[in-house]
Structure formats: structure tokens, C-alpha cells
Amino acid sequence: MRITVSHRLFVLHNATRIGIARGEAVEVLLSGAQAPIKWFADNDEVLKIDDTEGLKATVTATAVGVSTIEFKQRGQVLGSLVIEVFKDITDEAVRFGAEVSDEQPD
């Protein structure tokens, strides 16, 4: 099974882990599997999943934290996706060592 994550700014194929800002939404598409597939998130406060039994769902980051979504069929885990939710994009940039300052006019 392949997991594809789409956002207005990017598309990730064969995704296993992503980081997004709180309030952002991504579309998660499962391919190479047949429905029904149960979607189970281990930290429900962090994510809102709009469909938990299909091959495609919109996942919204609702709170700061980390959640793992497991995709199960007949009790067997077919794959998983870890989503880390940041307060905002500045938090994520700083985590990677970037310096953030006020924008300077040209």
C-alpha cells in the first residue's frame, strides 16, 4: 500500500512522516489496497479525519502534538503515517535551525 499526501503547497508520495502547521489540512490517499480500510489515530486531539473507512480522507491539524494514523484491514496494519503538528510555520523553521526575523523591504 502507498500513502500519498497532498497539500496546497506539496505532494508527497510514499509518505511515512510529515509535519504541518496547526489549522492546515492535507488530503491522504491510499493506493494499492481495497476498501474498507479503518483509519485509527492514536492522538485524536491533534487530528481531525473526515472519513475513517475509505481510501481517501482530508486530515486537519487541530492541535499541537504528534499523532500516528494506522491503516487497518481485518485487524492487520497495512501502513501508518506519523503527523507532527506545529504551532505555526515559524516553529517548524526554527526546529530546523533557521533564523526568523521581521521581513525587510527591498
PDB file of N, CA and C in Angstrom:
ATOM      1  N   MET A   1       0.838  -1.171   0.000  1.00  0.00           N
ATOM      2  CA  MET A   1       0.000   0.000   0.000  1.00  0.00           C
ATOM      3  C   MET A   1       0.887   1.240   0.000  1.00  0.00           C
ATOM      4  N   ARG A   2       0.524   2.226  -0.801  1.00  0.00           N
ATOM      5  CA  ARG A   2       1.245   3.501  -0.851  1.00  0.00           C
ATOM      6  C   ARG A   2       0.376   4.601  -0.246  1.00  0.00           C
ATOM      7  N   ILE A   3       1.042   5.522   0.442  1.00  0.00           N
ATOM      8  CA  ILE A   3       0.358   6.651   1.071  1.00  0.00           C
ATOM      9  C   ILE A   3       0.834   7.921   0.375  1.00  0.00           C
ATOM     10  N   THR A   4      -0.104   8.658  -0.218  1.00  0.00           N
ATOM     11  CA  THR A   4       0.204   9.924  -0.869  1.00  0.00           C
ATOM     12  C   THR A   4      -0.467  11.037  -0.077  1.00  0.00           C
ATOM     13  N   VAL A   5       0.301  12.079   0.243  1.00  0.00           N
ATOM     14  CA  VAL A   5      -0.213  13.220   0.999  1.00  0.00           C
ATOM     15  C   VAL A   5      -0.150  14.447   0.100  1.00  0.00           C
ATOM     16  N   SER A   6      -1.303  15.110  -0.076  1.00  0.00           N
ATOM     17  CA  SER A   6      -1.375  16.320  -0.907  1.00  0.00           C
ATOM     18  C   SER A   6      -1.761  17.510  -0.055  1.00  0.00           C
ATOM     19  N   HIS A   7      -1.114  18.623  -0.314  1.00  0.00           N
ATOM     20  CA  HIS A   7      -1.369  19.898   0.350  1.00  0.00           C
ATOM     21  C   HIS A   7      -1.358  20.957  -0.742  1.00  0.00           C
ATOM     22  N   ARG A   8      -1.838  22.131  -0.460  1.00  0.00           N
ATOM     23  CA  ARG A   8      -1.845  23.182  -1.479  1.00  0.00           C
ATOM     24  C   ARG A   8      -0.430  23.548  -1.923  1.00  0.00           C
ATOM     25  N   LEU A   9       0.586  23.217  -1.131  1.00  0.00           N
ATOM     26  CA  LEU A   9       1.971  23.565  -1.454  1.00  0.00           C
ATOM     27  C   LEU A   9       2.850  22.379  -1.846  1.00  0.00           C
ATOM     28  N   PHE A  10       2.390  21.151  -1.635  1.00  0.00           N
ATOM     29  CA  PHE A  10       3.248  19.998  -1.917  1.00  0.00           C
ATOM     30  C   PHE A  10       2.440  18.728  -2.116  1.00  0.00           C
ATOM     31  N   VAL A  11       3.102  17.731  -2.723  1.00  0.00           N
ATOM     32  CA  VAL A  11       2.576  16.367  -2.817  1.00  0.00           C
ATOM     33  C   VAL A  11       3.715  15.434  -2.417  1.00  0.00           C
ATOM     34  N   LEU A  12       3.456  14.538  -1.474  1.00  0.00           N
ATOM     35  CA  LEU A  12       4.448  13.556  -1.036  1.00  0.00           C
ATOM     36  C   LEU A  12       3.955  12.164  -1.399  1.00  0.00           C
ATOM     37  N   HIS A  13       4.794  11.417  -2.113  1.00  0.00           N
ATOM     38  CA  HIS A  13       4.464  10.045  -2.470  1.00  0.00           C
ATOM     39  C   HIS A  13       5.195   9.108  -1.508  1.00  0.00           C
ATOM     40  N   ASN A  14       4.574   7.999  -1.166  1.00  0.00           N
ATOM     41  CA  ASN A  14       5.155   7.031  -0.229  1.00  0.00           C
ATOM     42  C   ASN A  14       5.499   7.678   1.104  1.00  0.00           C
ATOM     43  N   ALA A  15       4.618   8.517   1.587  1.00  0.00           N
ATOM     44  CA  ALA A  15       4.845   9.255   2.833  1.00  0.00           C
ATOM     45  C   ALA A  15       4.761   8.327   4.034  1.00  0.00           C
ATOM     46  N   THR A  16       5.620   8.585   5.017  1.00  0.00           N
ATOM     47  CA  THR A  16       5.557   7.867   6.288  1.00  0.00           C
ATOM     48  C   THR A  16       5.501   8.845   7.460  1.00  0.00           C
ATOM     49  N   ARG A  17       5.982  10.092   7.245  1.00  0.00           N
ATOM     50  CA  ARG A  17       6.003  11.093   8.308  1.00  0.00           C
ATOM     51  C   ARG A  17       5.953  12.474   7.667  1.00  0.00           C
ATOM     52  N   ILE A  18       5.093  13.352   8.206  1.00  0.00           N
ATOM     53  CA  ILE A  18       5.028  14.731   7.724  1.00  0.00           C
ATOM     54  C   ILE A  18       4.908  15.671   8.911  1.00  0.00           C
ATOM     55  N   GLY A  19       5.210  16.927   8.694  1.00  0.00           N
ATOM     56  CA  GLY A  19       4.992  17.980   9.678  1.00  0.00           C
ATOM     57  C   GLY A  19       4.192  19.093   9.029  1.00  0.00           C
ATOM     58  N   ILE A  20       3.154  19.544   9.703  1.00  0.00           N
ATOM     59  CA  ILE A  20       2.328  20.641   9.190  1.00  0.00           C
ATOM     60  C   ILE A  20       1.964  21.582  10.328  1.00  0.00           C
ATOM     61  N   ALA A  21       1.556  22.782   9.966  1.00  0.00           N
ATOM     62  CA  ALA A  21       1.150  23.782  10.952  1.00  0.00           C
ATOM     63  C   ALA A  21      -0.291  23.545  11.394  1.00  0.00           C
ATOM     64  N   ARG A  22      -0.566  23.896  12.632  1.00  0.00           N
ATOM     65  CA  ARG A  22      -1.924  23.797  13.175  1.00  0.00           C
ATOM     66  C   ARG A  22      -2.883  24.594  12.284  1.00  0.00           C
ATOM     67  N   GLY A  23      -4.033  24.025  12.004  1.00  0.00           N
ATOM     68  CA  GLY A  23      -5.036  24.666  11.167  1.00  0.00           C
ATOM     69  C   GLY A  23      -4.949  24.266   9.705  1.00  0.00           C
ATOM     70  N   GLU A  24      -3.829  23.684   9.286  1.00  0.00           N
ATOM     71  CA  GLU A  24      -3.667  23.240   7.897  1.00  0.00           C
ATOM     72  C   GLU A  24      -4.350  21.888   7.703  1.00  0.00           C
ATOM     73  N   ALA A  25      -4.710  21.615   6.448  1.00  0.00           N
ATOM     74  CA  ALA A  25      -5.326  20.337   6.106  1.00  0.00           C
ATOM     75  C   ALA A  25      -4.559  19.702   4.955  1.00  0.00           C
ATOM     76  N   VAL A  26      -4.514  18.384   4.943  1.00  0.00           N
ATOM     77  CA  VAL A  26      -3.916  17.623   3.855  1.00  0.00           C
ATOM     78  C   VAL A  26      -4.909  16.559   3.412  1.00  0.00           C
ATOM     79  N   GLU A  27      -4.759  16.133   2.157  1.00  0.00           N
ATOM     80  CA  GLU A  27      -5.551  15.016   1.670  1.00  0.00           C
ATOM     81  C   GLU A  27      -4.645  13.795   1.658  1.00  0.00           C
ATOM     82  N   VAL A  28      -5.107  12.714   2.251  1.00  0.00           N
ATOM     83  CA  VAL A  28      -4.339  11.475   2.306  1.00  0.00           C
ATOM     84  C   VAL A  28      -5.047  10.460   1.410  1.00  0.00           C
ATOM     85  N   LEU A  29      -4.287   9.894   0.468  1.00  0.00           N
ATOM     86  CA  LEU A  29      -4.816   8.921  -0.480  1.00  0.00           C
ATOM     87  C   LEU A  29      -4.050   7.614  -0.325  1.00  0.00           C
ATOM     88  N   LEU A  30      -4.782   6.525  -0.159  1.00  0.00           N
ATOM     89  CA  LEU A  30      -4.186   5.193  -0.048  1.00  0.00           C
ATOM     90  C   LEU A  30      -4.370   4.481  -1.382  1.00  0.00           C
ATOM     91  N   SER A  31      -3.289   3.946  -1.926  1.00  0.00           N
ATOM     92  CA  SER A  31      -3.393   3.208  -3.185  1.00  0.00           C
ATOM     93  C   SER A  31      -2.742   1.838  -3.016  1.00  0.00           C
ATOM     94  N   GLY A  32      -3.170   0.902  -3.850  1.00  0.00           N
ATOM     95  CA  GLY A  32      -2.662  -0.460  -3.739  1.00  0.00           C
ATOM     96  C   GLY A  32      -3.377  -1.263  -2.677  1.00  0.00           C
ATOM     97  N   ALA A  33      -4.547  -0.799  -2.268  1.00  0.00           N
ATOM     98  CA  ALA A  33      -5.357  -1.502  -1.262  1.00  0.00           C
ATOM     99  C   ALA A  33      -6.828  -1.365  -1.656  1.00  0.00           C
ATOM    100  N   GLN A  34      -7.657  -2.182  -1.064  1.00  0.00           N
ATOM    101  CA  GLN A  34      -9.089  -2.121  -1.339  1.00  0.00           C
ATOM    102  C   GLN A  34      -9.835  -1.738  -0.073  1.00  0.00           C
ATOM    103  N   ALA A  35     -10.891  -0.928  -0.256  1.00  0.00           N
ATOM    104  CA  ALA A  35     -11.735  -0.534   0.868  1.00  0.00           C
ATOM    105  C   ALA A  35     -12.538  -1.754   1.323  1.00  0.00           C
ATOM    106  N   PRO A  36     -12.986  -1.812   2.541  1.00  0.00           N
ATOM    107  CA  PRO A  36     -12.821  -0.776   3.564  1.00  0.00           C
ATOM    108  C   PRO A  36     -11.495  -0.898   4.307  1.00  0.00           C
ATOM    109  N   ILE A  37     -10.950   0.234   4.626  1.00  0.00           N
ATOM    110  CA  ILE A  37      -9.758   0.322   5.466  1.00  0.00           C
ATOM    111  C   ILE A  37     -10.114   1.218   6.638  1.00  0.00           C
ATOM    112  N   LYS A  38      -9.849   0.764   7.834  1.00  0.00           N
ATOM    113  CA  LYS A  38     -10.109   1.549   9.045  1.00  0.00           C
ATOM    114  C   LYS A  38      -8.916   2.459   9.318  1.00  0.00           C
ATOM    115  N   TRP A  39      -9.196   3.717   9.594  1.00  0.00           N
ATOM    116  CA  TRP A  39      -8.172   4.701   9.946  1.00  0.00           C
ATOM    117  C   TRP A  39      -8.233   4.891  11.455  1.00  0.00           C
ATOM    118  N   PHE A  40      -7.118   4.673  12.145  1.00  0.00           N
ATOM    119  CA  PHE A  40      -7.070   4.814  13.590  1.00  0.00           C
ATOM    120  C   PHE A  40      -5.964   5.794  13.956  1.00  0.00           C
ATOM    121  N   ALA A  41      -6.328   6.906  14.609  1.00  0.00           N
ATOM    122  CA  ALA A  41      -5.336   7.889  15.067  1.00  0.00           C
ATOM    123  C   ALA A  41      -5.137   7.722  16.562  1.00  0.00           C
ATOM    124  N   ASP A  42      -3.878   7.654  17.005  1.00  0.00           N
ATOM    125  CA  ASP A  42      -3.603   7.415  18.418  1.00  0.00           C
ATOM    126  C   ASP A  42      -3.684   8.674  19.275  1.00  0.00           C
ATOM    127  N   ASN A  43      -3.809   9.838  18.674  1.00  0.00           N
ATOM    128  CA  ASN A  43      -3.915  11.087  19.433  1.00  0.00           C
ATOM    129  C   ASN A  43      -5.007  11.929  18.780  1.00  0.00           C
ATOM    130  N   ASP A  44      -6.255  11.628  19.118  1.00  0.00           N
ATOM    131  CA  ASP A  44      -7.412  12.240  18.468  1.00  0.00           C
ATOM    132  C   ASP A  44      -7.487  13.754  18.619  1.00  0.00           C
ATOM    133  N   GLU A  45      -6.860  14.319  19.650  1.00  0.00           N
ATOM    134  CA  GLU A  45      -6.910  15.768  19.842  1.00  0.00           C
ATOM    135  C   GLU A  45      -6.100  16.508  18.791  1.00  0.00           C
ATOM    136  N   VAL A  46      -5.104  15.867  18.204  1.00  0.00           N
ATOM    137  CA  VAL A  46      -4.183  16.515  17.274  1.00  0.00           C
ATOM    138  C   VAL A  46      -4.747  16.569  15.861  1.00  0.00           C
ATOM    139  N   LEU A  47      -5.517  15.564  15.459  1.00  0.00           N
ATOM    140  CA  LEU A  47      -6.001  15.470  14.086  1.00  0.00           C
ATOM    141  C   LEU A  47      -7.503  15.268  14.024  1.00  0.00           C
ATOM    142  N   LYS A  48      -8.102  15.802  12.955  1.00  0.00           N
ATOM    143  CA  LYS A  48      -9.499  15.510  12.628  1.00  0.00           C
ATOM    144  C   LYS A  48      -9.481  14.822  11.271  1.00  0.00           C
ATOM    145  N   ILE A  49     -10.008  13.610  11.203  1.00  0.00           N
ATOM    146  CA  ILE A  49     -10.052  12.841   9.966  1.00  0.00           C
ATOM    147  C   ILE A  49     -11.505  12.795   9.513  1.00  0.00           C
ATOM    148  N   ASP A  50     -11.765  13.232   8.260  1.00  0.00           N
ATOM    149  CA  ASP A  50     -13.160  13.337   7.831  1.00  0.00           C
ATOM    150  C   ASP A  50     -13.793  12.023   7.385  1.00  0.00           C
ATOM    151  N   ASP A  51     -13.027  10.991   7.082  1.00  0.00           N
ATOM    152  CA  ASP A  51     -13.583   9.703   6.684  1.00  0.00           C
ATOM    153  C   ASP A  51     -12.638   8.630   7.208  1.00  0.00           C
ATOM    154  N   THR A  52     -13.138   7.728   8.022  1.00  0.00           N
ATOM    155  CA  THR A  52     -12.239   6.751   8.647  1.00  0.00           C
ATOM    156  C   THR A  52     -12.397   5.344   8.100  1.00  0.00           C
ATOM    157  N   GLU A  53     -13.019   5.188   6.917  1.00  0.00           N
ATOM    158  CA  GLU A  53     -13.168   3.848   6.352  1.00  0.00           C
ATOM    159  C   GLU A  53     -12.904   3.772   4.855  1.00  0.00           C
ATOM    160  N   GLY A  54     -12.507   4.857   4.220  1.00  0.00           N
ATOM    161  CA  GLY A  54     -12.286   4.842   2.784  1.00  0.00           C
ATOM    162  C   GLY A  54     -10.815   4.803   2.423  1.00  0.00           C
ATOM    163  N   LEU A  55     -10.544   5.100   1.154  1.00  0.00           N
ATOM    164  CA  LEU A  55      -9.180   5.135   0.647  1.00  0.00           C
ATOM    165  C   LEU A  55      -8.639   6.559   0.567  1.00  0.00           C
ATOM    166  N   LYS A  56      -9.495   7.550   0.838  1.00  0.00           N
ATOM    167  CA  LYS A  56      -9.082   8.943   0.754  1.00  0.00           C
ATOM    168  C   LYS A  56      -9.788   9.731   1.855  1.00  0.00           C
ATOM    169  N   ALA A  57      -9.049  10.643   2.494  1.00  0.00           N
ATOM    170  CA  ALA A  57      -9.643  11.462   3.551  1.00  0.00           C
ATOM    171  C   ALA A  57      -8.896  12.779   3.657  1.00  0.00           C
ATOM    172  N   THR A  58      -9.612  13.783   4.135  1.00  0.00           N
ATOM    173  CA  THR A  58      -8.988  15.049   4.487  1.00  0.00           C
ATOM    174  C   THR A  58      -8.653  14.994   5.969  1.00  0.00           C
ATOM    175  N   VAL A  59      -7.385  15.304   6.279  1.00  0.00           N
ATOM    176  CA  VAL A  59      -6.906  15.284   7.662  1.00  0.00           C
ATOM    177  C   VAL A  59      -6.539  16.717   8.030  1.00  0.00           C
ATOM    178  N   THR A  60      -7.147  17.231   9.094  1.00  0.00           N
ATOM    179  CA  THR A  60      -6.907  18.601   9.542  1.00  0.00           C
ATOM    180  C   THR A  60      -6.144  18.582  10.850  1.00  0.00           C
ATOM    181  N   ALA A  61      -5.097  19.420  10.917  1.00  0.00           N
ATOM    182  CA  ALA A  61      -4.287  19.548  12.134  1.00  0.00           C
ATOM    183  C   ALA A  61      -5.009  20.481  13.096  1.00  0.00           C
ATOM    184  N   THR A  62      -5.480  19.952  14.223  1.00  0.00           N
ATOM    185  CA  THR A  62      -6.316  20.731  15.130  1.00  0.00           C
ATOM    186  C   THR A  62      -5.601  21.196  16.396  1.00  0.00           C
ATOM    187  N   ALA A  63      -4.489  20.566  16.754  1.00  0.00           N
ATOM    188  CA  ALA A  63      -3.759  20.938  17.967  1.00  0.00           C
ATOM    189  C   ALA A  63      -2.293  20.547  17.809  1.00  0.00           C
ATOM    190  N   VAL A  64      -1.436  21.222  18.557  1.00  0.00           N
ATOM    191  CA  VAL A  64      -0.008  20.924  18.520  1.00  0.00           C
ATOM    192  C   VAL A  64       0.245  19.554  19.149  1.00  0.00           C
ATOM    193  N   GLY A  65       1.085  18.753  18.501  1.00  0.00           N
ATOM    194  CA  GLY A  65       1.417  17.433  19.017  1.00  0.00           C
ATOM    195  C   GLY A  65       1.772  16.484  17.898  1.00  0.00           C
ATOM    196  N   VAL A  66       1.835  15.203  18.229  1.00  0.00           N
ATOM    197  CA  VAL A  66       2.171  14.158  17.257  1.00  0.00           C
ATOM    198  C   VAL A  66       1.086  13.090  17.315  1.00  0.00           C
ATOM    199  N   SER A  67       0.666  12.633  16.140  1.00  0.00           N
ATOM    200  CA  SER A  67      -0.317  11.558  16.074  1.00  0.00           C
ATOM    201  C   SER A  67       0.099  10.579  14.981  1.00  0.00           C
ATOM    202  N   THR A  68      -0.108   9.311  15.231  1.00  0.00           N
ATOM    203  CA  THR A  68       0.154   8.276  14.237  1.00  0.00           C
ATOM    204  C   THR A  68      -1.179   7.723  13.759  1.00  0.00           C
ATOM    205  N   ILE A  69      -1.380   7.749  12.449  1.00  0.00           N
ATOM    206  CA  ILE A  69      -2.570   7.139  11.862  1.00  0.00           C
ATOM    207  C   ILE A  69      -2.178   5.750  11.379  1.00  0.00           C
ATOM    208  N   GLU A  70      -2.890   4.732  11.836  1.00  0.00           N
ATOM    209  CA  GLU A  70      -2.689   3.375  11.346  1.00  0.00           C
ATOM    210  C   GLU A  70      -3.836   3.033  10.403  1.00  0.00           C
ATOM    211  N   PHE A  71      -3.500   2.359   9.319  1.00  0.00           N
ATOM    212  CA  PHE A  71      -4.481   1.939   8.323  1.00  0.00           C
ATOM    213  C   PHE A  71      -4.621   0.428   8.452  1.00  0.00           C
ATOM    214  N   LYS A  72      -5.818  -0.008   8.875  1.00  0.00           N
ATOM    215  CA  LYS A  72      -6.028  -1.431   9.182  1.00  0.00           C
ATOM    216  C   LYS A  72      -7.111  -2.032   8.295  1.00  0.00           C
ATOM    217  N   GLN A  73      -6.899  -3.307   7.988  1.00  0.00           N
ATOM    218  CA  GLN A  73      -7.903  -4.075   7.251  1.00  0.00           C
ATOM    219  C   GLN A  73      -7.986  -5.454   7.884  1.00  0.00           C
ATOM    220  N   ARG A  74      -9.175  -5.823   8.319  1.00  0.00           N
ATOM    221  CA  ARG A  74      -9.403  -7.110   9.006  1.00  0.00           C
ATOM    222  C   ARG A  74      -8.418  -7.324  10.147  1.00  0.00           C
ATOM    223  N   GLY A  75      -8.157  -6.255  10.913  1.00  0.00           N
ATOM    224  CA  GLY A  75      -7.295  -6.331  12.086  1.00  0.00           C
ATOM    225  C   GLY A  75      -5.808  -6.261  11.805  1.00  0.00           C
ATOM    226  N   GLN A  76      -5.405  -6.272  10.535  1.00  0.00           N
ATOM    227  CA  GLN A  76      -3.990  -6.219  10.166  1.00  0.00           C
ATOM    228  C   GLN A  76      -3.606  -4.786   9.785  1.00  0.00           C
ATOM    229  N   VAL A  77      -2.478  -4.305  10.306  1.00  0.00           N
ATOM    230  CA  VAL A  77      -1.989  -2.965   9.972  1.00  0.00           C
ATOM    231  C   VAL A  77      -1.315  -3.025   8.608  1.00  0.00           C
ATOM    232  N   LEU A  78      -1.852  -2.229   7.653  1.00  0.00           N
ATOM    233  CA  LEU A  78      -1.298  -2.188   6.297  1.00  0.00           C
ATOM    234  C   LEU A  78      -0.228  -1.110   6.152  1.00  0.00           C
ATOM    235  N   GLY A  79      -0.291  -0.098   6.997  1.00  0.00           N
ATOM    236  CA  GLY A  79       0.666   1.004   6.929  1.00  0.00           C
ATOM    237  C   GLY A  79       0.343   2.034   7.988  1.00  0.00           C
ATOM    238  N   SER A  80       1.202   3.040   8.095  1.00  0.00           N
ATOM    239  CA  SER A  80       0.960   4.104   9.073  1.00  0.00           C
ATOM    240  C   SER A  80       1.565   5.407   8.571  1.00  0.00           C
ATOM    241  N   LEU A  81       1.068   6.507   9.113  1.00  0.00           N
ATOM    242  CA  LEU A  81       1.541   7.845   8.787  1.00  0.00           C
ATOM    243  C   LEU A  81       1.644   8.635  10.080  1.00  0.00           C
ATOM    244  N   VAL A  82       2.827   9.158  10.376  1.00  0.00           N
ATOM    245  CA  VAL A  82       3.045   9.990  11.556  1.00  0.00           C
ATOM    246  C   VAL A  82       2.891  11.444  11.126  1.00  0.00           C
ATOM    247  N   ILE A  83       2.053  12.183  11.845  1.00  0.00           N
ATOM    248  CA  ILE A  83       1.858  13.605  11.554  1.00  0.00           C
ATOM    249  C   ILE A  83       2.222  14.405  12.790  1.00  0.00           C
ATOM    250  N   GLU A  84       3.216  15.287  12.632  1.00  0.00           N
ATOM    251  CA  GLU A  84       3.611  16.198  13.698  1.00  0.00           C
ATOM    252  C   GLU A  84       3.015  17.560  13.390  1.00  0.00           C
ATOM    253  N   VAL A  85       2.279  18.104  14.352  1.00  0.00           N
ATOM    254  CA  VAL A  85       1.614  19.391  14.166  1.00  0.00           C
ATOM    255  C   VAL A  85       2.356  20.451  14.964  1.00  0.00           C
ATOM    256  N   PHE A  86       2.750  21.513  14.252  1.00  0.00           N
ATOM    257  CA  PHE A  86       3.469  22.628  14.858  1.00  0.00           C
ATOM    258  C   PHE A  86       2.502  23.777  15.109  1.00  0.00           C
ATOM    259  N   LYS A  87       2.865  24.653  16.034  1.00  0.00           N
ATOM    260  CA  LYS A  87       2.033  25.822  16.344  1.00  0.00           C
ATOM    261  C   LYS A  87       1.829  26.667  15.091  1.00  0.00           C
ATOM    262  N   ASP A  88       2.915  26.945  14.391  1.00  0.00           N
ATOM    263  CA  ASP A  88       2.849  27.655  13.118  1.00  0.00           C
ATOM    264  C   ASP A  88       4.115  27.352  12.343  1.00  0.00           C
ATOM    265  N   ILE A  89       4.208  27.849  11.137  1.00  0.00           N
ATOM    266  CA  ILE A  89       5.334  27.525  10.271  1.00  0.00           C
ATOM    267  C   ILE A  89       6.655  28.033  10.850  1.00  0.00           C
ATOM    268  N   THR A  90       6.630  29.090  11.638  1.00  0.00           N
ATOM    269  CA  THR A  90       7.850  29.612  12.264  1.00  0.00           C
ATOM    270  C   THR A  90       8.459  28.578  13.194  1.00  0.00           C
ATOM    271  N   ASP A  91       7.639  27.883  13.981  1.00  0.00           N
ATOM    272  CA  ASP A  91       8.133  26.847  14.882  1.00  0.00           C
ATOM    273  C   ASP A  91       8.880  25.766  14.113  1.00  0.00           C
ATOM    274  N   GLU A  92       8.336  25.356  12.984  1.00  0.00           N
ATOM    275  CA  GLU A  92       8.963  24.301  12.195  1.00  0.00           C
ATOM    276  C   GLU A  92      10.297  24.774  11.626  1.00  0.00           C
ATOM    277  N   ALA A  93      10.364  26.022  11.140  1.00  0.00           N
ATOM    278  CA  ALA A  93      11.609  26.554  10.577  1.00  0.00           C
ATOM    279  C   ALA A  93      12.699  26.635  11.637  1.00  0.00           C
ATOM    280  N   VAL A  94      12.354  27.087  12.827  1.00  0.00           N
ATOM    281  CA  VAL A  94      13.331  27.201  13.908  1.00  0.00           C
ATOM    282  C   VAL A  94      13.844  25.833  14.318  1.00  0.00           C
ATOM    283  N   ARG A  95      12.984  24.839  14.317  1.00  0.00           N
ATOM    284  CA  ARG A  95      13.382  23.478  14.668  1.00  0.00           C
ATOM    285  C   ARG A  95      14.487  22.975  13.732  1.00  0.00           C
ATOM    286  N   PHE A  96      14.481  23.440  12.487  1.00  0.00           N
ATOM    287  CA  PHE A  96      15.494  23.023  11.521  1.00  0.00           C
ATOM    288  C   PHE A  96      16.687  23.968  11.487  1.00  0.00           C
ATOM    289  N   GLY A  97      16.787  24.879  12.457  1.00  0.00           N
ATOM    290  CA  GLY A  97      17.952  25.748  12.574  1.00  0.00           C
ATOM    291  C   GLY A  97      17.860  27.054  11.816  1.00  0.00           C
ATOM    292  N   ALA A  98      16.716  27.387  11.269  1.00  0.00           N
ATOM    293  CA  ALA A  98      16.572  28.646  10.550  1.00  0.00           C
ATOM    294  C   ALA A  98      16.423  29.800  11.533  1.00  0.00           C
ATOM    295  N   GLU A  99      16.888  30.955  11.139  1.00  0.00           N
ATOM    296  CA  GLU A  99      16.685  32.159  11.946  1.00  0.00           C
ATOM    297  C   GLU A  99      15.507  32.912  11.355  1.00  0.00           C
ATOM    298  N   VAL A 100      14.590  33.308  12.195  1.00  0.00           N
ATOM    299  CA  VAL A 100      13.397  34.004  11.745  1.00  0.00           C
ATOM    300  C   VAL A 100      13.450  35.437  12.252  1.00  0.00           C
ATOM    301  N   SER A 101      13.290  36.386  11.331  1.00  0.00           N
ATOM    302  CA  SER A 101      13.285  37.800  11.699  1.00  0.00           C
ATOM    303  C   SER A 101      12.203  38.509  10.924  1.00  0.00           C
ATOM    304  N   ASP A 102      11.985  39.773  11.270  1.00  0.00           N
ATOM    305  CA  ASP A 102      10.989  40.556  10.555  1.00  0.00           C
ATOM    306  C   ASP A 102      11.389  40.698   9.103  1.00  0.00           C
ATOM    307  N   GLU A 103      10.398  40.751   8.227  1.00  0.00           N
ATOM    308  CA  GLU A 103      10.661  40.915   6.806  1.00  0.00           C
ATOM    309  C   GLU A 103      11.263  42.281   6.549  1.00  0.00           C
ATOM    310  N   GLN A 104      12.284  42.341   5.707  1.00  0.00           N
ATOM    311  CA  GLN A 104      12.947  43.601   5.365  1.00  0.00           C
ATOM    312  C   GLN A 104      12.518  44.023   3.973  1.00  0.00           C
ATOM    313  N   PRO A 105      12.115  45.278   3.798  1.00  0.00           N
ATOM    314  CA  PRO A 105      11.741  45.744   2.451  1.00  0.00           C
ATOM    315  C   PRO A 105      12.956  45.779   1.520  1.00  0.00           C
ATOM    316  N   ASP A 106      12.716  45.644   0.226  1.00  0.00           N
ATOM    317  CA  ASP A 106      13.803  45.720  -0.764  1.00  0.00           C
ATOM    318  C   ASP A 106      14.340  47.131  -0.918  1.00  0.00           C
TER     319      ASP A 106
END
